[in-house]
Amino acid sequence: MKIIRFVDHAGNVRYGTPTDDTYTTATALEGDLFTGLTPTKELLSVAKLLAPITPPNILCIGLNYQRHAEESGMAVPDRPILFIKPTSTLSNPGDPIIHPKNSEEVDYECELAVVIGKTAKNVDEDDALDYVLGYTCANDVSARDWQLRYDKQWTRGKSFDTFCPLGPVLVTVDEIDDPNELQIQTRVNGETLQNSNTADMIFDVCEIISSLSKNFTLLPGTVILTGTPEGVGMGRTPKRWLVPGDVCEIEIEGIGVLINTVEEAPSAPKSGGTF
């Protein structure tokens, strides 16, 4: 099932199955996302498309594609490298990616996002997909200057507001035969900059879930970003950074296209006045 989360014209947040890939109308779903949604006969207009999940945690795996590790000039890891994005990075399909004024090296990263469907702890690899609710597209937007030069660790550079667009749909686990065999792309202003397959992952989806669950509990709704392939802006000659006005599209086979436009951060209000 393909599931969207949206605001209807009465201002209510609803779940539905989209009637087509314009996401302007949807058949309403009733029930709970984690225990079961049931289609109704109610057809609703979509006033605003939302990220398909509001996660309790956003967990991210770095350097998880062989050719991306090579273009980065970094050693291939011997275990999944974890970093975490705060939930304040979450952004909806169609909402702007805000380009911070204190970064000149904002980069794109197409990623397969895994959504956990039930509490997972000490999970074996063979059972890992039993804990998956579904999949969606993610853009792990990254400020490389903060990530690699200023802080020299990844958290802040990955954690600016709006740096985790998700969507446009959640595709349930039963509709994806093999999450480790999906075409994945980034396009900026129509130009294809990343074009790969999740088969190039160093650690596949089951390995990632199992590894993380042996360190801490994965809560329902947890989103796991599984890494990005080669072709990121910092790996290109010349570098290709995102700038205000760019339209960034993340497409994953069997899921859809996540589209966001880059906008300049608004100026801070001037202080002063009479107190």
C-alpha atoms as a PDB file:
ATOM      1  CA  MET A   1       0.000   0.000   0.000  1.00  0.00           C
ATOM      2  CA  LYS A   2       1.103   3.563  -0.695  1.00  0.00           C
ATOM      3  CA  ILE A   3       0.205   5.872   2.178  1.00  0.00           C
ATOM      4  CA  ILE A   4       0.308   9.657   2.291  1.00  0.00           C
ATOM      5  CA  ARG A   5      -0.120  11.902   5.294  1.00  0.00           C
ATOM      6  CA  PHE A   6      -1.785  15.195   4.515  1.00  0.00           C
ATOM      7  CA  VAL A   7      -3.929  18.080   5.650  1.00  0.00           C
ATOM      8  CA  ASP A   8      -7.454  18.036   4.219  1.00  0.00           C
ATOM      9  CA  HIS A   9      -9.424  21.165   3.400  1.00  0.00           C
ATOM     10  CA  ALA A  10     -11.066  21.094   6.821  1.00  0.00           C
ATOM     11  CA  GLY A  11      -7.627  21.414   8.417  1.00  0.00           C
ATOM     12  CA  ASN A  12      -7.471  17.836   9.678  1.00  0.00           C
ATOM     13  CA  VAL A  13      -4.351  15.681   9.410  1.00  0.00           C
ATOM     14  CA  ARG A  14      -5.329  12.462   7.638  1.00  0.00           C
ATOM     15  CA  TYR A  15      -3.850   9.318   6.117  1.00  0.00           C
ATOM     16  CA  GLY A  16      -4.886   8.171   2.680  1.00  0.00           C
ATOM     17  CA  THR A  17      -3.946   6.252  -0.427  1.00  0.00           C
ATOM     18  CA  PRO A  18      -3.195   8.677  -3.271  1.00  0.00           C
ATOM     19  CA  THR A  19      -5.322   8.379  -6.401  1.00  0.00           C
ATOM     20  CA  ASP A  20      -2.293   9.236  -8.568  1.00  0.00           C
ATOM     21  CA  ASP A  21       1.205  10.649  -8.302  1.00  0.00           C
ATOM     22  CA  THR A  22       0.024  14.274  -8.247  1.00  0.00           C
ATOM     23  CA  TYR A  23      -1.077  13.720  -4.621  1.00  0.00           C
ATOM     24  CA  THR A  24      -4.014  16.095  -4.995  1.00  0.00           C
ATOM     25  CA  THR A  25      -6.668  13.576  -3.947  1.00  0.00           C
ATOM     26  CA  ALA A  26      -6.650  10.477  -1.766  1.00  0.00           C
ATOM     27  CA  THR A  27      -8.913   7.729  -0.530  1.00  0.00           C
ATOM     28  CA  ALA A  28      -9.168   8.162   3.230  1.00  0.00           C
ATOM     29  CA  LEU A  29      -7.716   5.548   5.544  1.00  0.00           C
ATOM     30  CA  GLU A  30      -9.040   4.929   9.045  1.00  0.00           C
ATOM     31  CA  GLY A  31      -7.270   3.323  11.970  1.00  0.00           C
ATOM     32  CA  ASP A  32      -3.731   3.446  13.308  1.00  0.00           C
ATOM     33  CA  LEU A  33      -0.594   3.601  11.175  1.00  0.00           C
ATOM     34  CA  PHE A  34       1.178   0.967  13.270  1.00  0.00           C
ATOM     35  CA  THR A  35      -1.665  -1.428  14.070  1.00  0.00           C
ATOM     36  CA  GLY A  36      -3.503  -1.175  10.771  1.00  0.00           C
ATOM     37  CA  LEU A  37      -5.167   1.267   8.377  1.00  0.00           C
ATOM     38  CA  THR A  38      -8.356   0.393   6.516  1.00  0.00           C
ATOM     39  CA  PRO A  39      -9.483   2.017   3.240  1.00  0.00           C
ATOM     40  CA  THR A  40     -12.809   3.833   3.266  1.00  0.00           C
ATOM     41  CA  LYS A  41     -15.001   5.053   0.421  1.00  0.00           C
ATOM     42  CA  GLU A  42     -14.284   8.685   1.287  1.00  0.00           C
ATOM     43  CA  LEU A  43     -12.389  10.638  -1.372  1.00  0.00           C
ATOM     44  CA  LEU A  44     -10.573  13.667  -0.001  1.00  0.00           C
ATOM     45  CA  SER A  45      -8.804  16.632  -1.549  1.00  0.00           C
ATOM     46  CA  VAL A  46      -5.250  17.180  -0.338  1.00  0.00           C
ATOM     47  CA  ALA A  47      -4.694  20.737   0.896  1.00  0.00           C
ATOM     48  CA  LYS A  48      -1.073  20.103   1.916  1.00  0.00           C
ATOM     49  CA  LEU A  49       1.119  17.034   1.601  1.00  0.00           C
ATOM     50  CA  LEU A  50       3.079  16.209   4.756  1.00  0.00           C
ATOM     51  CA  ALA A  51       6.052  13.999   5.522  1.00  0.00           C
ATOM     52  CA  PRO A  52       4.556  10.492   5.796  1.00  0.00           C
ATOM     53  CA  ILE A  53       5.779  10.014   9.374  1.00  0.00           C
ATOM     54  CA  THR A  54       6.679  12.154  12.390  1.00  0.00           C
ATOM     55  CA  PRO A  55       9.550  10.062  13.743  1.00  0.00           C
ATOM     56  CA  PRO A  56      10.618   9.822  17.384  1.00  0.00           C
ATOM     57  CA  ASN A  57      14.199   9.455  16.139  1.00  0.00           C
ATOM     58  CA  ILE A  58      16.046   9.941  12.854  1.00  0.00           C
ATOM     59  CA  LEU A  59      19.012   7.561  12.697  1.00  0.00           C
ATOM     60  CA  CYS A  60      21.479   7.829   9.841  1.00  0.00           C
ATOM     61  CA  ILE A  61      24.174   5.603   8.407  1.00  0.00           C
ATOM     62  CA  GLY A  62      27.244   7.273   6.912  1.00  0.00           C
ATOM     63  CA  LEU A  63      29.560   6.041   4.149  1.00  0.00           C
ATOM     64  CA  ASN A  64      27.296   3.125   3.295  1.00  0.00           C
ATOM     65  CA  TYR A  65      27.788   2.981  -0.479  1.00  0.00           C
ATOM     66  CA  GLN A  66      31.004   1.562  -1.843  1.00  0.00           C
ATOM     67  CA  ARG A  67      31.482   4.154  -4.579  1.00  0.00           C
ATOM     68  CA  HIS A  68      30.517   7.043  -2.285  1.00  0.00           C
ATOM     69  CA  ALA A  69      33.236   6.004   0.168  1.00  0.00           C
ATOM     70  CA  GLU A  70      35.679   5.963  -2.738  1.00  0.00           C
ATOM     71  CA  GLU A  71      34.711   9.441  -4.006  1.00  0.00           C
ATOM     72  CA  SER A  72      34.972  10.786  -0.435  1.00  0.00           C
ATOM     73  CA  GLY A  73      38.503   9.438  -0.074  1.00  0.00           C
ATOM     74  CA  MET A  74      37.509   7.656   3.116  1.00  0.00           C
ATOM     75  CA  ALA A  75      38.119   4.081   4.221  1.00  0.00           C
ATOM     76  CA  VAL A  76      35.282   1.604   3.776  1.00  0.00           C
ATOM     77  CA  PRO A  77      33.854   1.062   7.287  1.00  0.00           C
ATOM     78  CA  ASP A  78      33.866  -2.366   8.909  1.00  0.00           C
ATOM     79  CA  ARG A  79      30.596  -1.683  10.738  1.00  0.00           C
ATOM     80  CA  PRO A  80      27.695   0.756  10.163  1.00  0.00           C
ATOM     81  CA  ILE A  81      28.671   4.339  11.058  1.00  0.00           C
ATOM     82  CA  LEU A  82      25.860   6.032  12.971  1.00  0.00           C
ATOM     83  CA  PHE A  83      24.937   9.672  13.350  1.00  0.00           C
ATOM     84  CA  ILE A  84      21.630  11.210  14.379  1.00  0.00           C
ATOM     85  CA  LYS A  85      19.629  14.098  12.956  1.00  0.00           C
ATOM     86  CA  PRO A  86      17.290  15.960  15.341  1.00  0.00           C
ATOM     87  CA  THR A  87      13.596  15.782  14.517  1.00  0.00           C
ATOM     88  CA  SER A  88      13.676  19.551  13.888  1.00  0.00           C
ATOM     89  CA  THR A  89      15.365  18.726  10.567  1.00  0.00           C
ATOM     90  CA  LEU A  90      12.149  17.098   9.298  1.00  0.00           C
ATOM     91  CA  SER A  91      10.667  18.766   6.222  1.00  0.00           C
ATOM     92  CA  ASN A  92       7.591  18.037   4.113  1.00  0.00           C
ATOM     93  CA  PRO A  93       7.485  17.350   0.390  1.00  0.00           C
ATOM     94  CA  GLY A  94       7.292  20.676  -1.398  1.00  0.00           C
ATOM     95  CA  ASP A  95       8.487  22.674   1.588  1.00  0.00           C
ATOM     96  CA  PRO A  96      11.677  24.687   1.151  1.00  0.00           C
ATOM     97  CA  ILE A  97      15.138  23.551   2.146  1.00  0.00           C
ATOM     98  CA  ILE A  98      16.394  26.617   4.008  1.00  0.00           C
ATOM     99  CA  HIS A  99      19.928  27.539   2.981  1.00  0.00           C
ATOM    100  CA  PRO A 100      21.627  28.798   6.167  1.00  0.00           C
ATOM    101  CA  LYS A 101      23.485  32.081   5.953  1.00  0.00           C
ATOM    102  CA  ASN A 102      26.492  30.616   7.788  1.00  0.00           C
ATOM    103  CA  SER A 103      27.191  27.844   5.282  1.00  0.00           C
ATOM    104  CA  GLU A 104      28.519  28.038   1.736  1.00  0.00           C
ATOM    105  CA  GLU A 105      28.703  24.286   1.105  1.00  0.00           C
ATOM    106  CA  VAL A 106      25.182  22.857   1.298  1.00  0.00           C
ATOM    107  CA  ASP A 107      24.990  19.426  -0.329  1.00  0.00           C
ATOM    108  CA  TYR A 108      22.278  16.970  -1.399  1.00  0.00           C
ATOM    109  CA  GLU A 109      22.122  13.242  -0.586  1.00  0.00           C
ATOM    110  CA  CYS A 110      19.444  10.888  -1.923  1.00  0.00           C
ATOM    111  CA  GLU A 111      18.706   8.126   0.581  1.00  0.00           C
ATOM    112  CA  LEU A 112      16.351   5.214   1.087  1.00  0.00           C
ATOM    113  CA  ALA A 113      14.566   5.782   4.402  1.00  0.00           C
ATOM    114  CA  VAL A 114      13.381   2.766   6.383  1.00  0.00           C
ATOM    115  CA  VAL A 115      10.458   3.259   8.787  1.00  0.00           C
ATOM    116  CA  ILE A 116      10.294   0.915  11.771  1.00  0.00           C
ATOM    117  CA  GLY A 117       6.823  -0.483  12.440  1.00  0.00           C
ATOM    118  CA  LYS A 118       7.172  -2.090  15.870  1.00  0.00           C
ATOM    119  CA  THR A 119       9.562  -2.029  18.797  1.00  0.00           C
ATOM    120  CA  ALA A 120      12.827  -3.717  17.826  1.00  0.00           C
ATOM    121  CA  LYS A 121      15.574  -4.847  20.185  1.00  0.00           C
ATOM    122  CA  ASN A 122      18.322  -7.437  19.571  1.00  0.00           C
ATOM    123  CA  VAL A 123      16.914  -8.349  16.178  1.00  0.00           C
ATOM    124  CA  ASP A 124      18.546 -11.025  14.028  1.00  0.00           C
ATOM    125  CA  GLU A 125      19.269 -10.108  10.415  1.00  0.00           C
ATOM    126  CA  ASP A 126      16.971 -12.872   9.153  1.00  0.00           C
ATOM    127  CA  ASP A 127      14.042 -11.315  11.043  1.00  0.00           C
ATOM    128  CA  ALA A 128      14.833  -7.655  10.440  1.00  0.00           C
ATOM    129  CA  LEU A 129      12.243  -6.953   7.737  1.00  0.00           C
ATOM    130  CA  ASP A 130       9.506  -8.189  10.107  1.00  0.00           C
ATOM    131  CA  TYR A 131      10.052  -4.933  12.016  1.00  0.00           C
ATOM    132  CA  VAL A 132       9.785  -2.640   8.984  1.00  0.00           C
ATOM    133  CA  LEU A 133       6.580  -0.724   8.324  1.00  0.00           C
ATOM    134  CA  GLY A 134       7.724   0.633   4.976  1.00  0.00           C
ATOM    135  CA  TYR A 135      10.019   2.873   2.984  1.00  0.00           C
ATOM    136  CA  THR A 136      10.149   6.445   1.760  1.00  0.00           C
ATOM    137  CA  CYS A 137      12.570   8.867   0.084  1.00  0.00           C
ATOM    138  CA  ALA A 138      14.872  11.111   2.068  1.00  0.00           C
ATOM    139  CA  ASN A 139      17.284  13.929   1.325  1.00  0.00           C
ATOM    140  CA  ASP A 140      20.086  14.008   3.906  1.00  0.00           C
ATOM    141  CA  VAL A 141      20.945  17.659   3.281  1.00  0.00           C
ATOM    142  CA  SER A 142      24.414  18.427   4.631  1.00  0.00           C
ATOM    143  CA  ALA A 143      26.466  21.560   5.300  1.00  0.00           C
ATOM    144  CA  ARG A 144      29.910  20.191   4.392  1.00  0.00           C
ATOM    145  CA  ASP A 145      31.866  23.136   5.804  1.00  0.00           C
ATOM    146  CA  TRP A 146      30.359  22.522   9.243  1.00  0.00           C
ATOM    147  CA  GLN A 147      30.579  18.739   8.876  1.00  0.00           C
ATOM    148  CA  LEU A 148      34.163  18.442   7.660  1.00  0.00           C
ATOM    149  CA  ARG A 149      36.064  21.634   8.570  1.00  0.00           C
ATOM    150  CA  TYR A 150      34.503  23.555  11.413  1.00  0.00           C
ATOM    151  CA  ASP A 151      33.328  20.771  13.747  1.00  0.00           C
ATOM    152  CA  LYS A 152      35.127  17.831  12.080  1.00  0.00           C
ATOM    153  CA  GLN A 153      32.271  15.558  13.088  1.00  0.00           C
ATOM    154  CA  TRP A 154      28.922  15.115  11.430  1.00  0.00           C
ATOM    155  CA  THR A 155      26.140  16.115  13.789  1.00  0.00           C
ATOM    156  CA  ARG A 156      25.882  19.901  13.386  1.00  0.00           C
ATOM    157  CA  GLY A 157      26.483  19.879   9.629  1.00  0.00           C
ATOM    158  CA  LYS A 158      23.612  17.430   9.190  1.00  0.00           C
ATOM    159  CA  SER A 159      21.252  19.084  11.647  1.00  0.00           C
ATOM    160  CA  PHE A 160      20.161  22.490  10.353  1.00  0.00           C
ATOM    161  CA  ASP A 161      16.418  23.075  10.247  1.00  0.00           C
ATOM    162  CA  THR A 162      14.739  21.545   7.142  1.00  0.00           C
ATOM    163  CA  PHE A 163      17.768  19.311   6.401  1.00  0.00           C
ATOM    164  CA  CYS A 164      15.690  16.093   6.314  1.00  0.00           C
ATOM    165  CA  PRO A 165      12.916  16.202   3.706  1.00  0.00           C
ATOM    166  CA  LEU A 166      10.895  12.947   3.690  1.00  0.00           C
ATOM    167  CA  GLY A 167       8.240  11.672   1.301  1.00  0.00           C
ATOM    168  CA  PRO A 168       6.209  11.860  -0.760  1.00  0.00           C
ATOM    169  CA  VAL A 169       4.688   8.517   0.283  1.00  0.00           C
ATOM    170  CA  LEU A 170       5.250   5.635   2.639  1.00  0.00           C
ATOM    171  CA  VAL A 171       5.319   2.370   0.681  1.00  0.00           C
ATOM    172  CA  THR A 172       4.539  -0.591   2.922  1.00  0.00           C
ATOM    173  CA  VAL A 173       7.108  -3.351   3.216  1.00  0.00           C
ATOM    174  CA  ASP A 174       5.001  -5.887   1.300  1.00  0.00           C
ATOM    175  CA  GLU A 175       5.202  -3.796  -1.898  1.00  0.00           C
ATOM    176  CA  ILE A 176       9.005  -3.690  -2.088  1.00  0.00           C
ATOM    177  CA  ASP A 177      10.383  -7.124  -2.971  1.00  0.00           C
ATOM    178  CA  ASP A 178      13.989  -6.237  -2.162  1.00  0.00           C
ATOM    179  CA  PRO A 179      15.010  -2.892  -0.625  1.00  0.00           C
ATOM    180  CA  ASN A 180      18.595  -3.707  -1.583  1.00  0.00           C
ATOM    181  CA  GLU A 181      17.840  -3.642  -5.322  1.00  0.00           C
ATOM    182  CA  LEU A 182      16.284  -0.230  -6.030  1.00  0.00           C
ATOM    183  CA  GLN A 183      17.347   2.485  -8.459  1.00  0.00           C
ATOM    184  CA  ILE A 184      18.005   5.767  -6.657  1.00  0.00           C
ATOM    185  CA  GLN A 185      18.634   9.234  -8.104  1.00  0.00           C
ATOM    186  CA  THR A 186      19.126  12.904  -7.315  1.00  0.00           C
ATOM    187  CA  ARG A 187      18.279  15.568  -9.875  1.00  0.00           C
ATOM    188  CA  VAL A 188      18.980  19.263  -9.385  1.00  0.00           C
ATOM    189  CA  ASN A 189      17.243  21.631 -11.807  1.00  0.00           C
ATOM    190  CA  GLY A 190      16.560  18.581 -14.002  1.00  0.00           C
ATOM    191  CA  GLU A 191      20.203  17.434 -14.173  1.00  0.00           C
ATOM    192  CA  THR A 192      20.872  13.932 -12.872  1.00  0.00           C
ATOM    193  CA  LEU A 193      23.715  14.159 -10.336  1.00  0.00           C
ATOM    194  CA  GLN A 194      23.329  10.851  -8.477  1.00  0.00           C
ATOM    195  CA  ASN A 195      22.268   7.687 -10.282  1.00  0.00           C
ATOM    196  CA  SER A 196      22.864   4.393  -8.534  1.00  0.00           C
ATOM    197  CA  ASN A 197      21.254   1.347  -6.964  1.00  0.00           C
ATOM    198  CA  THR A 198      20.825   0.341  -3.328  1.00  0.00           C
ATOM    199  CA  ALA A 199      22.705  -2.849  -4.273  1.00  0.00           C
ATOM    200  CA  ASP A 200      25.888  -0.762  -3.831  1.00  0.00           C
ATOM    201  CA  MET A 201      25.230  -0.500  -0.079  1.00  0.00           C
ATOM    202  CA  ILE A 202      28.058  -1.811   2.070  1.00  0.00           C
ATOM    203  CA  PHE A 203      25.609  -2.837   4.812  1.00  0.00           C
ATOM    204  CA  ASP A 204      22.154  -3.800   3.600  1.00  0.00           C
ATOM    205  CA  VAL A 205      18.857  -2.907   5.272  1.00  0.00           C
ATOM    206  CA  CYS A 206      18.729  -6.074   7.382  1.00  0.00           C
ATOM    207  CA  GLU A 207      22.306  -5.648   8.598  1.00  0.00           C
ATOM    208  CA  ILE A 208      21.633  -2.036   9.572  1.00  0.00           C
ATOM    209  CA  ILE A 209      18.460  -2.813  11.539  1.00  0.00           C
ATOM    210  CA  SER A 210      20.069  -5.733  13.331  1.00  0.00           C
ATOM    211  CA  SER A 211      23.196  -3.755  14.201  1.00  0.00           C
ATOM    212  CA  LEU A 212      21.331  -0.729  15.553  1.00  0.00           C
ATOM    213  CA  SER A 213      18.847  -2.836  17.534  1.00  0.00           C
ATOM    214  CA  LYS A 214      21.706  -4.457  19.424  1.00  0.00           C
ATOM    215  CA  ASN A 215      22.788  -1.047  20.738  1.00  0.00           C
ATOM    216  CA  PHE A 216      19.428   0.499  21.583  1.00  0.00           C
ATOM    217  CA  THR A 217      15.695   0.061  21.154  1.00  0.00           C
ATOM    218  CA  LEU A 218      14.200   1.075  17.821  1.00  0.00           C
ATOM    219  CA  LEU A 219      10.813   2.631  18.541  1.00  0.00           C
ATOM    220  CA  PRO A 220       7.825   2.450  16.173  1.00  0.00           C
ATOM    221  CA  GLY A 221       8.100   5.301  13.678  1.00  0.00           C
ATOM    222  CA  THR A 222      11.867   5.504  13.901  1.00  0.00           C
ATOM    223  CA  VAL A 223      13.323   6.552  10.542  1.00  0.00           C
ATOM    224  CA  ILE A 224      16.643   5.095   9.426  1.00  0.00           C
ATOM    225  CA  LEU A 225      18.470   6.814   6.565  1.00  0.00           C
ATOM    226  CA  THR A 226      20.578   4.137   4.905  1.00  0.00           C
ATOM    227  CA  GLY A 227      23.304   6.183   3.220  1.00  0.00           C
ATOM    228  CA  THR A 228      23.858   7.900  -0.107  1.00  0.00           C
ATOM    229  CA  PRO A 229      25.525   6.808  -3.353  1.00  0.00           C
ATOM    230  CA  GLU A 230      28.267   8.540  -5.303  1.00  0.00           C
ATOM    231  CA  GLY A 231      27.683  11.847  -7.083  1.00  0.00           C
ATOM    232  CA  VAL A 232      27.282  14.209  -4.123  1.00  0.00           C
ATOM    233  CA  GLY A 233      28.259  17.811  -4.643  1.00  0.00           C
ATOM    234  CA  MET A 234      31.461  17.622  -2.626  1.00  0.00           C
ATOM    235  CA  GLY A 235      32.680  14.710  -4.752  1.00  0.00           C
ATOM    236  CA  ARG A 236      32.312  16.526  -8.061  1.00  0.00           C
ATOM    237  CA  THR A 237      34.806  18.648 -10.012  1.00  0.00           C
ATOM    238  CA  PRO A 238      34.001  21.477  -9.727  1.00  0.00           C
ATOM    239  CA  LYS A 239      32.018  21.179  -6.482  1.00  0.00           C
ATOM    240  CA  ARG A 240      28.276  21.419  -6.928  1.00  0.00           C
ATOM    241  CA  TRP A 241      26.694  23.068  -3.895  1.00  0.00           C
ATOM    242  CA  LEU A 242      22.996  23.780  -3.528  1.00  0.00           C
ATOM    243  CA  VAL A 243      22.058  27.448  -3.826  1.00  0.00           C
ATOM    244  CA  PRO A 244      18.780  29.329  -3.371  1.00  0.00           C
ATOM    245  CA  GLY A 245      16.483  28.671  -6.308  1.00  0.00           C
ATOM    246  CA  ASP A 246      17.660  25.112  -6.934  1.00  0.00           C
ATOM    247  CA  VAL A 247      14.968  22.452  -7.287  1.00  0.00           C
ATOM    248  CA  CYS A 248      16.107  19.155  -5.789  1.00  0.00           C
ATOM    249  CA  GLU A 249      14.398  15.867  -6.718  1.00  0.00           C
ATOM    250  CA  ILE A 250      15.037  12.543  -4.998  1.00  0.00           C
ATOM    251  CA  GLU A 251      13.619   9.539  -6.840  1.00  0.00           C
ATOM    252  CA  ILE A 252      13.606   5.910  -5.684  1.00  0.00           C
ATOM    253  CA  GLU A 253      12.241   3.050  -7.748  1.00  0.00           C
ATOM    254  CA  GLY A 254       8.851   1.879  -6.514  1.00  0.00           C
ATOM    255  CA  ILE A 255       8.401   4.811  -4.143  1.00  0.00           C
ATOM    256  CA  GLY A 256       8.225   8.116  -6.002  1.00  0.00           C
ATOM    257  CA  VAL A 257       9.804  11.546  -6.293  1.00  0.00           C
ATOM    258  CA  LEU A 258      10.501  13.881  -3.381  1.00  0.00           C
ATOM    259  CA  ILE A 259      10.749  17.508  -4.558  1.00  0.00           C
ATOM    260  CA  ASN A 260      11.994  20.493  -2.566  1.00  0.00           C
ATOM    261  CA  THR A 261      13.219  23.935  -3.587  1.00  0.00           C
ATOM    262  CA  VAL A 262      16.160  25.624  -1.884  1.00  0.00           C
ATOM    263  CA  GLU A 263      15.403  29.014  -0.337  1.00  0.00           C
ATOM    264  CA  GLU A 264      17.659  31.564   1.310  1.00  0.00           C
ATOM    265  CA  ALA A 265      17.276  31.869   5.074  1.00  0.00           C
ATOM    266  CA  PRO A 266      15.389  35.020   6.091  1.00  0.00           C
ATOM    267  CA  SER A 267      17.347  37.778   7.704  1.00  0.00           C
ATOM    268  CA  ALA A 268      17.241  37.918  11.483  1.00  0.00           C
ATOM    269  CA  PRO A 269      15.187  40.803  12.865  1.00  0.00           C
ATOM    270  CA  LYS A 270      17.222  43.767  14.024  1.00  0.00           C
ATOM    271  CA  SER A 271      17.512  44.195  17.742  1.00  0.00           C
ATOM    272  CA  GLY A 272      17.022  47.485  19.504  1.00  0.00           C
ATOM    273  CA  GLY A 273      14.176  49.832  20.149  1.00  0.00           C
ATOM    274  CA  THR A 274      12.610  51.258  23.260  1.00  0.00           C
ATOM    275  CA  PHE A 275      12.240  49.024  26.284  1.00  0.00           C
END
